[in-house]
Amino acid sequence: MEIENLLRHRGGMARTPTLRQAGHARTQLDKALAAGRIVRVRRGVYSLPEEAGALSLALRHNALLTCLSAAPAYQLWGPCRTPAWST
């Protein structure tokens, strides 16, 4: 399984040991990073570029997602981003 597919299957993010257990060598990770197919969120944590949002920002700063910032990660309902009157 390609690195991108594995990350998609795991919710967009995975740790190095998980990627290594799936058979991805360090050189494969480095090539995927250089090509921009994946991003390093922090040491030992990789993500798809399109998934590197609030969760990756929180991980970089040793913070937690709570309340409304965590809702999209759990695919929960949240407030509309665009007001109804603007459509």
N, C-alpha and C. Protein backbone atom coordinates (compact mmCIF):
# COMPACT_ATOMS: atom_id res chain seq x y z
N MET A 1 0.84 -1.18 0.00
CA MET A 1 0.00 0.00 0.00
C MET A 1 0.89 1.24 0.00
N GLU A 2 0.55 2.20 -0.85
CA GLU A 2 1.34 3.43 -0.91
C GLU A 2 1.16 4.23 0.38
N ILE A 3 2.13 5.08 0.65
CA ILE A 3 2.10 5.88 1.87
C ILE A 3 0.83 6.72 1.94
N GLU A 4 0.46 7.37 0.83
CA GLU A 4 -0.72 8.22 0.83
C GLU A 4 -1.98 7.42 1.15
N ASN A 5 -2.10 6.24 0.56
CA ASN A 5 -3.28 5.40 0.81
C ASN A 5 -3.33 4.96 2.26
N LEU A 6 -2.19 4.61 2.82
CA LEU A 6 -2.14 4.21 4.22
C LEU A 6 -2.56 5.36 5.12
N LEU A 7 -2.06 6.56 4.83
CA LEU A 7 -2.44 7.72 5.63
C LEU A 7 -3.94 8.01 5.50
N ARG A 8 -4.49 7.90 4.29
CA ARG A 8 -5.93 8.11 4.11
C ARG A 8 -6.72 7.09 4.93
N HIS A 9 -6.28 5.86 4.89
CA HIS A 9 -6.95 4.78 5.61
C HIS A 9 -6.91 5.01 7.13
N ARG A 10 -5.88 5.69 7.61
CA ARG A 10 -5.72 5.94 9.04
C ARG A 10 -6.20 7.33 9.45
N GLY A 11 -7.00 7.97 8.63
CA GLY A 11 -7.55 9.26 8.99
C GLY A 11 -6.68 10.44 8.61
N GLY A 12 -5.66 10.22 7.79
CA GLY A 12 -4.83 11.31 7.30
C GLY A 12 -3.52 11.51 8.01
N MET A 13 -3.29 10.77 9.10
CA MET A 13 -2.08 10.97 9.88
C MET A 13 -1.59 9.64 10.45
N ALA A 14 -0.27 9.48 10.59
CA ALA A 14 0.30 8.26 11.18
C ALA A 14 1.68 8.55 11.73
N ARG A 15 2.08 7.73 12.67
CA ARG A 15 3.42 7.82 13.27
C ARG A 15 4.39 6.96 12.48
N THR A 16 5.67 7.27 12.63
CA THR A 16 6.72 6.54 11.92
C THR A 16 6.66 5.03 12.14
N PRO A 17 6.50 4.54 13.39
CA PRO A 17 6.46 3.08 13.56
C PRO A 17 5.33 2.42 12.77
N THR A 18 4.20 3.09 12.67
CA THR A 18 3.07 2.54 11.90
C THR A 18 3.44 2.45 10.43
N LEU A 19 4.07 3.49 9.91
CA LEU A 19 4.49 3.48 8.51
C LEU A 19 5.56 2.43 8.26
N ARG A 20 6.49 2.29 9.20
CA ARG A 20 7.56 1.29 9.06
C ARG A 20 6.98 -0.12 9.11
N GLN A 21 6.02 -0.37 9.99
CA GLN A 21 5.40 -1.71 10.09
C GLN A 21 4.65 -2.06 8.81
N ALA A 22 4.17 -1.04 8.12
CA ALA A 22 3.46 -1.27 6.86
C ALA A 22 4.43 -1.50 5.70
N GLY A 23 5.73 -1.41 5.98
CA GLY A 23 6.73 -1.72 4.96
C GLY A 23 7.35 -0.54 4.27
N HIS A 24 7.16 0.66 4.81
CA HIS A 24 7.73 1.85 4.18
C HIS A 24 9.06 2.19 4.82
N ALA A 25 10.11 2.15 4.02
CA ALA A 25 11.46 2.44 4.49
C ALA A 25 11.65 3.95 4.65
N ARG A 26 12.69 4.31 5.37
CA ARG A 26 13.02 5.72 5.60
C ARG A 26 13.20 6.48 4.28
N THR A 27 13.80 5.83 3.30
CA THR A 27 14.02 6.48 2.00
C THR A 27 12.70 6.79 1.31
N GLN A 28 11.71 5.90 1.46
CA GLN A 28 10.40 6.16 0.86
C GLN A 28 9.74 7.37 1.52
N LEU A 29 9.86 7.47 2.83
CA LEU A 29 9.31 8.63 3.54
C LEU A 29 10.00 9.91 3.08
N ASP A 30 11.32 9.87 2.95
CA ASP A 30 12.07 11.05 2.52
C ASP A 30 11.67 11.48 1.11
N LYS A 31 11.49 10.50 0.21
CA LYS A 31 11.09 10.82 -1.17
C LYS A 31 9.68 11.41 -1.21
N ALA A 32 8.77 10.85 -0.42
CA ALA A 32 7.40 11.37 -0.37
C ALA A 32 7.38 12.79 0.22
N LEU A 33 8.22 13.03 1.22
CA LEU A 33 8.33 14.38 1.80
C LEU A 33 8.87 15.36 0.77
N ALA A 34 9.93 14.98 0.07
CA ALA A 34 10.56 15.86 -0.92
C ALA A 34 9.60 16.17 -2.07
N ALA A 35 8.76 15.21 -2.43
CA ALA A 35 7.81 15.40 -3.52
C ALA A 35 6.56 16.16 -3.08
N GLY A 36 6.41 16.37 -1.77
CA GLY A 36 5.24 17.08 -1.27
C GLY A 36 3.99 16.23 -1.16
N ARG A 37 4.16 14.91 -1.28
CA ARG A 37 3.00 14.01 -1.18
C ARG A 37 2.57 13.83 0.27
N ILE A 38 3.50 14.00 1.21
CA ILE A 38 3.19 13.95 2.64
C ILE A 38 3.92 15.11 3.32
N VAL A 39 3.53 15.42 4.54
CA VAL A 39 4.20 16.46 5.30
C VAL A 39 4.53 15.92 6.69
N ARG A 40 5.61 16.45 7.26
CA ARG A 40 5.99 16.07 8.63
C ARG A 40 5.33 17.07 9.56
N VAL A 41 4.42 16.58 10.39
CA VAL A 41 3.71 17.44 11.32
C VAL A 41 4.60 17.78 12.50
N ARG A 42 5.27 16.80 13.01
CA ARG A 42 6.27 16.94 14.05
C ARG A 42 7.13 15.70 13.98
N ARG A 43 8.16 15.63 14.77
CA ARG A 43 9.07 14.49 14.72
C ARG A 43 8.29 13.19 14.94
N GLY A 44 8.35 12.31 13.94
CA GLY A 44 7.72 11.00 14.04
C GLY A 44 6.25 10.96 13.68
N VAL A 45 5.69 12.07 13.19
CA VAL A 45 4.27 12.11 12.81
C VAL A 45 4.16 12.69 11.40
N TYR A 46 3.49 11.95 10.52
CA TYR A 46 3.34 12.35 9.13
C TYR A 46 1.87 12.47 8.78
N SER A 47 1.60 13.34 7.80
CA SER A 47 0.22 13.61 7.41
C SER A 47 0.14 13.84 5.91
N LEU A 48 -1.06 13.71 5.38
CA LEU A 48 -1.32 14.15 4.02
C LEU A 48 -1.37 15.67 4.03
N PRO A 49 -0.90 16.32 2.97
CA PRO A 49 -0.89 17.79 2.96
C PRO A 49 -2.28 18.39 3.19
N GLU A 50 -3.31 17.79 2.59
CA GLU A 50 -4.65 18.34 2.73
C GLU A 50 -5.26 18.11 4.12
N GLU A 51 -4.67 17.20 4.89
CA GLU A 51 -5.15 16.92 6.23
C GLU A 51 -4.39 17.69 7.30
N ALA A 52 -3.35 18.39 6.90
CA ALA A 52 -2.51 19.11 7.87
C ALA A 52 -3.17 20.42 8.24
N GLY A 53 -4.22 20.35 9.02
CA GLY A 53 -4.96 21.53 9.43
C GLY A 53 -4.81 21.79 10.91
N ALA A 54 -5.94 21.91 11.57
CA ALA A 54 -5.95 22.25 13.00
C ALA A 54 -5.26 21.18 13.84
N LEU A 55 -5.45 19.91 13.50
CA LEU A 55 -4.82 18.84 14.29
C LEU A 55 -3.31 18.91 14.21
N SER A 56 -2.78 19.11 13.02
CA SER A 56 -1.32 19.18 12.90
C SER A 56 -0.78 20.43 13.57
N LEU A 57 -1.51 21.53 13.51
CA LEU A 57 -1.09 22.74 14.20
C LEU A 57 -1.05 22.50 15.71
N ALA A 58 -2.05 21.81 16.23
CA ALA A 58 -2.07 21.49 17.65
C ALA A 58 -0.90 20.59 18.03
N LEU A 59 -0.61 19.59 17.20
CA LEU A 59 0.51 18.69 17.49
C LEU A 59 1.84 19.43 17.49
N ARG A 60 2.01 20.36 16.56
CA ARG A 60 3.26 21.12 16.50
C ARG A 60 3.50 21.92 17.76
N HIS A 61 2.43 22.35 18.40
CA HIS A 61 2.56 23.22 19.57
C HIS A 61 2.22 22.53 20.88
N ASN A 62 2.17 21.20 20.84
CA ASN A 62 1.85 20.42 22.05
C ASN A 62 0.53 20.86 22.67
N ALA A 63 -0.46 21.10 21.83
CA ALA A 63 -1.77 21.56 22.29
C ALA A 63 -2.82 20.49 22.01
N LEU A 64 -4.02 20.74 22.45
CA LEU A 64 -5.14 19.82 22.24
C LEU A 64 -6.24 20.50 21.44
N LEU A 65 -6.97 19.70 20.67
CA LEU A 65 -8.16 20.20 20.02
C LEU A 65 -9.34 19.94 20.95
N THR A 66 -10.13 20.94 21.19
CA THR A 66 -11.31 20.78 22.03
C THR A 66 -12.48 21.51 21.41
N CYS A 67 -13.65 21.18 21.84
CA CYS A 67 -14.88 21.87 21.47
C CYS A 67 -14.99 22.02 19.96
N LEU A 68 -15.15 23.24 19.46
CA LEU A 68 -15.38 23.47 18.04
C LEU A 68 -14.18 23.14 17.17
N SER A 69 -12.98 23.28 17.70
CA SER A 69 -11.80 22.95 16.90
C SER A 69 -11.67 21.45 16.69
N ALA A 70 -12.21 20.64 17.60
CA ALA A 70 -12.13 19.19 17.48
C ALA A 70 -13.29 18.61 16.67
N ALA A 71 -14.38 19.33 16.54
CA ALA A 71 -15.58 18.81 15.87
C ALA A 71 -15.31 18.28 14.46
N PRO A 72 -14.60 19.00 13.58
CA PRO A 72 -14.34 18.46 12.25
C PRO A 72 -13.52 17.16 12.26
N ALA A 73 -12.60 17.03 13.20
CA ALA A 73 -11.78 15.82 13.28
C ALA A 73 -12.63 14.59 13.59
N TYR A 74 -13.72 14.81 14.31
CA TYR A 74 -14.64 13.70 14.64
C TYR A 74 -15.86 13.68 13.73
N GLN A 75 -15.83 14.50 12.69
CA GLN A 75 -16.91 14.62 11.72
C GLN A 75 -18.23 14.93 12.41
N LEU A 76 -18.17 15.85 13.37
CA LEU A 76 -19.35 16.29 14.09
C LEU A 76 -19.91 17.56 13.46
N TRP A 77 -21.16 17.82 13.74
CA TRP A 77 -21.79 19.03 13.27
C TRP A 77 -21.15 20.23 13.94
N GLY A 78 -21.09 21.31 13.24
CA GLY A 78 -20.57 22.54 13.80
C GLY A 78 -21.26 23.71 13.17
N PRO A 79 -20.96 24.90 13.60
CA PRO A 79 -21.61 26.08 13.02
C PRO A 79 -21.21 26.26 11.56
N CYS A 80 -22.09 26.87 10.83
CA CYS A 80 -21.82 27.15 9.41
C CYS A 80 -20.66 28.12 9.29
N ARG A 81 -19.84 27.91 8.31
CA ARG A 81 -18.72 28.82 8.08
C ARG A 81 -19.18 30.04 7.28
N THR A 82 -20.22 29.87 6.46
CA THR A 82 -20.74 30.95 5.64
C THR A 82 -22.13 31.31 6.14
N PRO A 83 -22.37 32.56 6.46
CA PRO A 83 -23.71 32.94 6.91
C PRO A 83 -24.76 32.65 5.85
N ALA A 84 -25.94 32.24 6.27
CA ALA A 84 -27.02 31.85 5.35
C ALA A 84 -27.40 33.01 4.42
N TRP A 85 -27.32 34.26 4.90
CA TRP A 85 -27.77 35.38 4.10
C TRP A 85 -26.80 35.75 2.98
N SER A 86 -25.59 35.17 3.00
CA SER A 86 -24.60 35.54 1.99
C SER A 86 -24.66 34.66 0.75
N THR A 87 -25.52 33.65 0.74
CA THR A 87 -25.60 32.75 -0.42
C THR A 87 -26.59 33.21 -1.43
